[in-house]
Amino acid sequence: MYTPPHFAVTDRSRLLHLIAAHPLASLVQSTKAGLSANVIPLYWVDDGSELGVLRGHVARKNPLWQEADSAILALFQAGNGYVSPSFYPSKASDPRVVPTWNYALVQIKGALRAMDDTAEVRAIVSHMTAQHEAGRERPWHIDEAPADFMQKMLAAIVGIEIKIEQISGKFKLSQNQSAENQAGIAAQLAAPWARGIIDANQ
């Protein structure tokens, strides 16, 4: 990923914060048939290794998990948006400005491992739902579903784990602009995507 130094983020806590806030990853996998892409929620787990792992699950019919040990690229992206030259207060005195696009992105390279043990798959689903149900007044729990139904659902999916070999971040947030222009951009950007950028940048 091309990353000019002023857009590079190496603080792992900021990268993991973005992943936790925006877990829906774009997965690009090198398979025997060529490149393959999937969109799957993934969660960072501290397994005691240097960089940790990502875990999630896919449908059993999805061929992704059958390519064990294949190289894989996971992309996590927060909000993004077009930046108009009109957002720059400096344009009033210097018209030498052009449009750009702001975004925050974490890229992870790793190796894929399938997790087909029922207990492992159940743990992955429990972890995912616990994270997303945490803010609800009455969080849903996997045990609320009938046991036979849940067993059938779990049998239809396979857990996946990506051993992280490299993690990098590119937060293109107009750091190369003056403080005045940065303030102008922040004031103009619409809240729906700006919230994602702000969250990722904390």
C-alpha atoms as a PDB file:
ATOM      1  CA  MET A   1       0.000   0.000   0.000  1.00  0.00           C
ATOM      2  CA  TYR A   2       1.537   3.292  -1.082  1.00  0.00           C
ATOM      3  CA  THR A   3       1.760   5.422   2.061  1.00  0.00           C
ATOM      4  CA  PRO A   4       3.553   8.785   2.204  1.00  0.00           C
ATOM      5  CA  PRO A   5       5.214   9.219   5.628  1.00  0.00           C
ATOM      6  CA  HIS A   6       2.806  11.965   6.748  1.00  0.00           C
ATOM      7  CA  PHE A   7      -0.173   9.599   6.271  1.00  0.00           C
ATOM      8  CA  ALA A   8       1.413   6.510   7.879  1.00  0.00           C
ATOM      9  CA  VAL A   9       0.089   5.295  11.245  1.00  0.00           C
ATOM     10  CA  THR A  10       2.231   2.871  13.244  1.00  0.00           C
ATOM     11  CA  ASP A  11       0.548   3.208  16.657  1.00  0.00           C
ATOM     12  CA  ARG A  12      -0.968  -0.266  17.038  1.00  0.00           C
ATOM     13  CA  SER A  13      -3.634   0.927  19.483  1.00  0.00           C
ATOM     14  CA  ARG A  14      -5.001   3.322  16.839  1.00  0.00           C
ATOM     15  CA  LEU A  15      -5.003   0.567  14.219  1.00  0.00           C
ATOM     16  CA  LEU A  16      -6.780  -1.874  16.520  1.00  0.00           C
ATOM     17  CA  HIS A  17      -9.273   0.841  17.470  1.00  0.00           C
ATOM     18  CA  LEU A  18     -10.230   1.253  13.810  1.00  0.00           C
ATOM     19  CA  ILE A  19     -10.607  -2.525  13.390  1.00  0.00           C
ATOM     20  CA  ALA A  20     -12.829  -2.769  16.471  1.00  0.00           C
ATOM     21  CA  ALA A  21     -14.991   0.143  15.338  1.00  0.00           C
ATOM     22  CA  HIS A  22     -15.220  -1.035  11.714  1.00  0.00           C
ATOM     23  CA  PRO A  23     -14.913  -4.851  11.722  1.00  0.00           C
ATOM     24  CA  LEU A  24     -16.372  -5.485   8.264  1.00  0.00           C
ATOM     25  CA  ALA A  25     -13.222  -6.392   6.321  1.00  0.00           C
ATOM     26  CA  SER A  26     -12.632  -6.758   2.606  1.00  0.00           C
ATOM     27  CA  LEU A  27     -10.653  -9.971   2.194  1.00  0.00           C
ATOM     28  CA  VAL A  28      -8.530 -10.537  -0.893  1.00  0.00           C
ATOM     29  CA  GLN A  29      -7.201 -14.087  -1.193  1.00  0.00           C
ATOM     30  CA  SER A  30      -4.722 -15.638  -3.574  1.00  0.00           C
ATOM     31  CA  THR A  31      -6.236 -19.000  -4.575  1.00  0.00           C
ATOM     32  CA  LYS A  32      -5.377 -21.712  -7.072  1.00  0.00           C
ATOM     33  CA  ALA A  33      -8.048 -20.261  -9.354  1.00  0.00           C
ATOM     34  CA  GLY A  34      -6.726 -16.693  -9.005  1.00  0.00           C
ATOM     35  CA  LEU A  35      -7.693 -13.748  -6.814  1.00  0.00           C
ATOM     36  CA  SER A  36     -10.892 -14.010  -4.777  1.00  0.00           C
ATOM     37  CA  ALA A  37     -12.664 -11.336  -2.708  1.00  0.00           C
ATOM     38  CA  ASN A  38     -15.075 -11.564   0.224  1.00  0.00           C
ATOM     39  CA  VAL A  39     -16.541  -9.130   2.755  1.00  0.00           C
ATOM     40  CA  ILE A  40     -16.545 -10.612   6.265  1.00  0.00           C
ATOM     41  CA  PRO A  41     -16.648  -9.219   9.836  1.00  0.00           C
ATOM     42  CA  LEU A  42     -13.347 -10.010  11.567  1.00  0.00           C
ATOM     43  CA  TYR A  43     -12.191  -9.406  15.113  1.00  0.00           C
ATOM     44  CA  TRP A  44      -8.705  -8.971  16.504  1.00  0.00           C
ATOM     45  CA  VAL A  45      -7.769 -11.481  19.220  1.00  0.00           C
ATOM     46  CA  ASP A  46      -4.668 -11.476  21.409  1.00  0.00           C
ATOM     47  CA  ASP A  47      -3.524 -15.093  21.155  1.00  0.00           C
ATOM     48  CA  GLY A  48      -0.151 -14.413  22.748  1.00  0.00           C
ATOM     49  CA  SER A  49       1.686 -14.039  19.443  1.00  0.00           C
ATOM     50  CA  GLU A  50       3.544 -10.874  18.445  1.00  0.00           C
ATOM     51  CA  LEU A  51       0.745  -9.323  16.372  1.00  0.00           C
ATOM     52  CA  GLY A  52      -2.300 -11.399  17.323  1.00  0.00           C
ATOM     53  CA  VAL A  53      -4.857 -12.946  14.989  1.00  0.00           C
ATOM     54  CA  LEU A  54      -8.108 -12.064  13.258  1.00  0.00           C
ATOM     55  CA  ARG A  55     -11.073 -14.385  13.675  1.00  0.00           C
ATOM     56  CA  GLY A  56     -14.453 -14.670  12.007  1.00  0.00           C
ATOM     57  CA  HIS A  57     -16.631 -17.171  10.210  1.00  0.00           C
ATOM     58  CA  VAL A  58     -17.920 -17.921   6.728  1.00  0.00           C
ATOM     59  CA  ALA A  59     -20.616 -20.121   5.233  1.00  0.00           C
ATOM     60  CA  ARG A  60     -19.476 -23.710   4.838  1.00  0.00           C
ATOM     61  CA  LYS A  61     -20.274 -23.413   1.131  1.00  0.00           C
ATOM     62  CA  ASN A  62     -17.866 -20.486   0.787  1.00  0.00           C
ATOM     63  CA  PRO A  63     -14.642 -21.866  -0.763  1.00  0.00           C
ATOM     64  CA  LEU A  64     -12.531 -19.297   1.092  1.00  0.00           C
ATOM     65  CA  TRP A  65     -11.880 -21.561   4.083  1.00  0.00           C
ATOM     66  CA  GLN A  66     -10.850 -24.526   1.930  1.00  0.00           C
ATOM     67  CA  GLU A  67      -7.645 -22.757   0.852  1.00  0.00           C
ATOM     68  CA  ALA A  68      -5.809 -23.334   4.131  1.00  0.00           C
ATOM     69  CA  ASP A  69      -2.464 -21.569   4.553  1.00  0.00           C
ATOM     70  CA  SER A  70      -3.187 -19.308   1.574  1.00  0.00           C
ATOM     71  CA  ALA A  71      -1.917 -15.724   1.577  1.00  0.00           C
ATOM     72  CA  ILE A  72      -4.652 -13.260   2.426  1.00  0.00           C
ATOM     73  CA  LEU A  73      -5.064  -9.501   2.652  1.00  0.00           C
ATOM     74  CA  ALA A  74      -7.629  -7.909   4.996  1.00  0.00           C
ATOM     75  CA  LEU A  75      -8.647  -4.274   4.551  1.00  0.00           C
ATOM     76  CA  PHE A  76     -10.538  -2.368   7.256  1.00  0.00           C
ATOM     77  CA  GLN A  77     -11.839   1.076   6.367  1.00  0.00           C
ATOM     78  CA  ALA A  78     -13.450   3.781   8.451  1.00  0.00           C
ATOM     79  CA  GLY A  79     -15.340   6.685   6.924  1.00  0.00           C
ATOM     80  CA  ASN A  80     -14.200   8.328   3.729  1.00  0.00           C
ATOM     81  CA  GLY A  81     -15.207  11.319   1.692  1.00  0.00           C
ATOM     82  CA  TYR A  82     -14.511  13.807  -1.060  1.00  0.00           C
ATOM     83  CA  VAL A  83     -12.699  16.994  -0.080  1.00  0.00           C
ATOM     84  CA  SER A  84     -13.581  19.968  -2.268  1.00  0.00           C
ATOM     85  CA  PRO A  85     -11.101  22.795  -2.880  1.00  0.00           C
ATOM     86  CA  SER A  86     -13.901  25.014  -1.543  1.00  0.00           C
ATOM     87  CA  PHE A  87     -13.318  23.529   1.913  1.00  0.00           C
ATOM     88  CA  TYR A  88      -9.946  25.307   2.127  1.00  0.00           C
ATOM     89  CA  PRO A  89     -10.096  28.824   3.613  1.00  0.00           C
ATOM     90  CA  SER A  90      -6.709  29.452   1.949  1.00  0.00           C
ATOM     91  CA  LYS A  91      -8.417  29.310  -1.464  1.00  0.00           C
ATOM     92  CA  ALA A  92      -9.630  32.864  -0.939  1.00  0.00           C
ATOM     93  CA  SER A  93      -6.065  34.147  -1.190  1.00  0.00           C
ATOM     94  CA  ASP A  94      -4.404  31.337  -3.150  1.00  0.00           C
ATOM     95  CA  PRO A  95      -6.443  29.412  -5.765  1.00  0.00           C
ATOM     96  CA  ARG A  96      -3.742  26.738  -6.228  1.00  0.00           C
ATOM     97  CA  VAL A  97      -5.812  23.929  -4.669  1.00  0.00           C
ATOM     98  CA  VAL A  98      -7.265  20.700  -6.068  1.00  0.00           C
ATOM     99  CA  PRO A  99      -9.811  18.121  -4.845  1.00  0.00           C
ATOM    100  CA  THR A 100      -8.749  15.063  -2.879  1.00  0.00           C
ATOM    101  CA  TRP A 101     -10.239  12.167  -0.936  1.00  0.00           C
ATOM    102  CA  ASN A 102      -9.819  11.521   2.781  1.00  0.00           C
ATOM    103  CA  TYR A 103      -9.985   8.088   4.391  1.00  0.00           C
ATOM    104  CA  ALA A 104      -8.603   5.873   7.146  1.00  0.00           C
ATOM    105  CA  LEU A 105      -7.507   2.340   6.296  1.00  0.00           C
ATOM    106  CA  VAL A 106      -5.812  -0.570   8.057  1.00  0.00           C
ATOM    107  CA  GLN A 107      -4.201  -3.298   5.970  1.00  0.00           C
ATOM    108  CA  ILE A 108      -3.315  -6.715   7.347  1.00  0.00           C
ATOM    109  CA  LYS A 109      -1.354  -9.448   5.612  1.00  0.00           C
ATOM    110  CA  GLY A 110      -1.437 -12.966   6.963  1.00  0.00           C
ATOM    111  CA  ALA A 111      -2.038 -16.675   6.518  1.00  0.00           C
ATOM    112  CA  LEU A 112      -5.449 -18.321   6.712  1.00  0.00           C
ATOM    113  CA  ARG A 113      -6.405 -21.224   8.951  1.00  0.00           C
ATOM    114  CA  ALA A 114      -9.791 -22.956   9.053  1.00  0.00           C
ATOM    115  CA  MET A 115     -11.408 -23.645  12.442  1.00  0.00           C
ATOM    116  CA  ASP A 116     -13.959 -26.434  12.023  1.00  0.00           C
ATOM    117  CA  ASP A 117     -14.267 -27.532  15.649  1.00  0.00           C
ATOM    118  CA  THR A 118     -17.825 -26.848  16.907  1.00  0.00           C
ATOM    119  CA  ALA A 119     -16.607 -25.385  20.198  1.00  0.00           C
ATOM    120  CA  GLU A 120     -14.234 -23.002  18.372  1.00  0.00           C
ATOM    121  CA  VAL A 121     -16.946 -21.874  15.966  1.00  0.00           C
ATOM    122  CA  ARG A 122     -19.394 -21.342  18.817  1.00  0.00           C
ATOM    123  CA  ALA A 123     -16.787 -19.254  20.667  1.00  0.00           C
ATOM    124  CA  ILE A 124     -16.282 -17.056  17.584  1.00  0.00           C
ATOM    125  CA  VAL A 125     -20.030 -16.441  17.205  1.00  0.00           C
ATOM    126  CA  SER A 126     -20.413 -15.786  20.948  1.00  0.00           C
ATOM    127  CA  HIS A 127     -17.552 -13.270  20.878  1.00  0.00           C
ATOM    128  CA  MET A 128     -19.009 -11.456  17.859  1.00  0.00           C
ATOM    129  CA  THR A 129     -22.520 -11.183  19.271  1.00  0.00           C
ATOM    130  CA  ALA A 130     -21.262 -10.158  22.712  1.00  0.00           C
ATOM    131  CA  GLN A 131     -19.378  -7.230  21.167  1.00  0.00           C
ATOM    132  CA  HIS A 132     -22.327  -5.979  19.153  1.00  0.00           C
ATOM    133  CA  GLU A 133     -25.040  -6.665  21.719  1.00  0.00           C
ATOM    134  CA  ALA A 134     -23.129  -5.005  24.569  1.00  0.00           C
ATOM    135  CA  GLY A 135     -24.867  -1.645  24.232  1.00  0.00           C
ATOM    136  CA  ARG A 136     -28.392  -3.058  24.208  1.00  0.00           C
ATOM    137  CA  GLU A 137     -30.628  -2.963  27.282  1.00  0.00           C
ATOM    138  CA  ARG A 138     -31.197  -6.719  26.976  1.00  0.00           C
ATOM    139  CA  PRO A 139     -28.275  -8.180  25.012  1.00  0.00           C
ATOM    140  CA  TRP A 140     -29.079 -11.263  22.979  1.00  0.00           C
ATOM    141  CA  HIS A 141     -27.016 -14.345  23.799  1.00  0.00           C
ATOM    142  CA  ILE A 142     -26.395 -17.420  21.709  1.00  0.00           C
ATOM    143  CA  ASP A 143     -28.013 -19.604  24.405  1.00  0.00           C
ATOM    144  CA  GLU A 144     -31.385 -17.916  23.801  1.00  0.00           C
ATOM    145  CA  ALA A 145     -31.803 -19.817  20.538  1.00  0.00           C
ATOM    146  CA  PRO A 146     -33.050 -23.429  20.738  1.00  0.00           C
ATOM    147  CA  ALA A 147     -30.085 -25.776  21.101  1.00  0.00           C
ATOM    148  CA  ASP A 148     -30.988 -27.958  18.116  1.00  0.00           C
ATOM    149  CA  PHE A 149     -31.510 -24.914  15.895  1.00  0.00           C
ATOM    150  CA  MET A 150     -28.194 -23.364  16.957  1.00  0.00           C
ATOM    151  CA  GLN A 151     -26.366 -26.634  16.385  1.00  0.00           C
ATOM    152  CA  LYS A 152     -27.757 -26.692  12.839  1.00  0.00           C
ATOM    153  CA  MET A 153     -26.686 -23.082  12.256  1.00  0.00           C
ATOM    154  CA  LEU A 154     -23.189 -23.690  13.616  1.00  0.00           C
ATOM    155  CA  ALA A 155     -22.807 -26.746  11.395  1.00  0.00           C
ATOM    156  CA  ALA A 156     -23.444 -24.519   8.370  1.00  0.00           C
ATOM    157  CA  ILE A 157     -20.464 -22.251   9.055  1.00  0.00           C
ATOM    158  CA  VAL A 158     -16.703 -22.595   9.460  1.00  0.00           C
ATOM    159  CA  GLY A 159     -14.478 -20.452  11.614  1.00  0.00           C
ATOM    160  CA  ILE A 160     -11.474 -18.736  10.087  1.00  0.00           C
ATOM    161  CA  GLU A 161      -8.335 -17.374  11.673  1.00  0.00           C
ATOM    162  CA  ILE A 162      -5.768 -15.124  10.043  1.00  0.00           C
ATOM    163  CA  LYS A 163      -2.347 -15.136  11.680  1.00  0.00           C
ATOM    164  CA  ILE A 164      -1.195 -11.531  11.330  1.00  0.00           C
ATOM    165  CA  GLU A 165       2.197 -11.256   9.663  1.00  0.00           C
ATOM    166  CA  GLN A 166       2.087  -7.540   8.900  1.00  0.00           C
ATOM    167  CA  ILE A 167      -0.188  -4.654   9.921  1.00  0.00           C
ATOM    168  CA  SER A 168      -0.058  -1.120   8.562  1.00  0.00           C
ATOM    169  CA  GLY A 169      -2.245   1.944   8.584  1.00  0.00           C
ATOM    170  CA  LYS A 170      -2.850   4.848   6.261  1.00  0.00           C
ATOM    171  CA  PHE A 171      -4.928   7.677   7.680  1.00  0.00           C
ATOM    172  CA  LYS A 172      -5.194  10.308   4.952  1.00  0.00           C
ATOM    173  CA  LEU A 173      -6.773  13.113   6.956  1.00  0.00           C
ATOM    174  CA  SER A 174      -5.306  16.241   5.332  1.00  0.00           C
ATOM    175  CA  GLN A 175      -2.269  16.194   7.631  1.00  0.00           C
ATOM    176  CA  ASN A 176      -0.344  17.872   4.807  1.00  0.00           C
ATOM    177  CA  GLN A 177      -2.611  20.933   4.978  1.00  0.00           C
ATOM    178  CA  SER A 178      -2.290  23.975   7.213  1.00  0.00           C
ATOM    179  CA  ALA A 179      -4.150  24.091  10.521  1.00  0.00           C
ATOM    180  CA  GLU A 180      -6.506  26.650   8.981  1.00  0.00           C
ATOM    181  CA  ASN A 181      -7.360  24.362   6.077  1.00  0.00           C
ATOM    182  CA  GLN A 182      -7.729  21.350   8.349  1.00  0.00           C
ATOM    183  CA  ALA A 183     -10.257  23.285  10.418  1.00  0.00           C
ATOM    184  CA  GLY A 184     -12.122  24.286   7.261  1.00  0.00           C
ATOM    185  CA  ILE A 185     -12.268  20.676   6.076  1.00  0.00           C
ATOM    186  CA  ALA A 186     -13.486  19.450   9.480  1.00  0.00           C
ATOM    187  CA  ALA A 187     -16.252  22.075   9.466  1.00  0.00           C
ATOM    188  CA  GLN A 188     -17.468  21.095   5.999  1.00  0.00           C
ATOM    189  CA  LEU A 189     -17.401  17.316   6.035  1.00  0.00           C
ATOM    190  CA  ALA A 190     -20.738  15.610   6.589  1.00  0.00           C
ATOM    191  CA  ALA A 191     -21.213  13.874   9.949  1.00  0.00           C
ATOM    192  CA  PRO A 192     -21.954  10.302   8.720  1.00  0.00           C
ATOM    193  CA  TRP A 193     -18.461   9.671   7.373  1.00  0.00           C
ATOM    194  CA  ALA A 194     -16.657  12.240   9.508  1.00  0.00           C
ATOM    195  CA  ARG A 195     -17.620  10.354  12.676  1.00  0.00           C
ATOM    196  CA  GLY A 196     -15.813   7.290  11.359  1.00  0.00           C
ATOM    197  CA  ILE A 197     -12.693   9.307  10.600  1.00  0.00           C
ATOM    198  CA  ILE A 198     -12.756  11.013  13.990  1.00  0.00           C
ATOM    199  CA  ASP A 199     -13.246   7.735  15.825  1.00  0.00           C
ATOM    200  CA  ALA A 200     -10.380   6.144  13.917  1.00  0.00           C
ATOM    201  CA  ASN A 201      -8.117   9.068  14.691  1.00  0.00           C
ATOM    202  CA  GLN A 202      -8.542   8.981  18.470  1.00  0.00           C
END
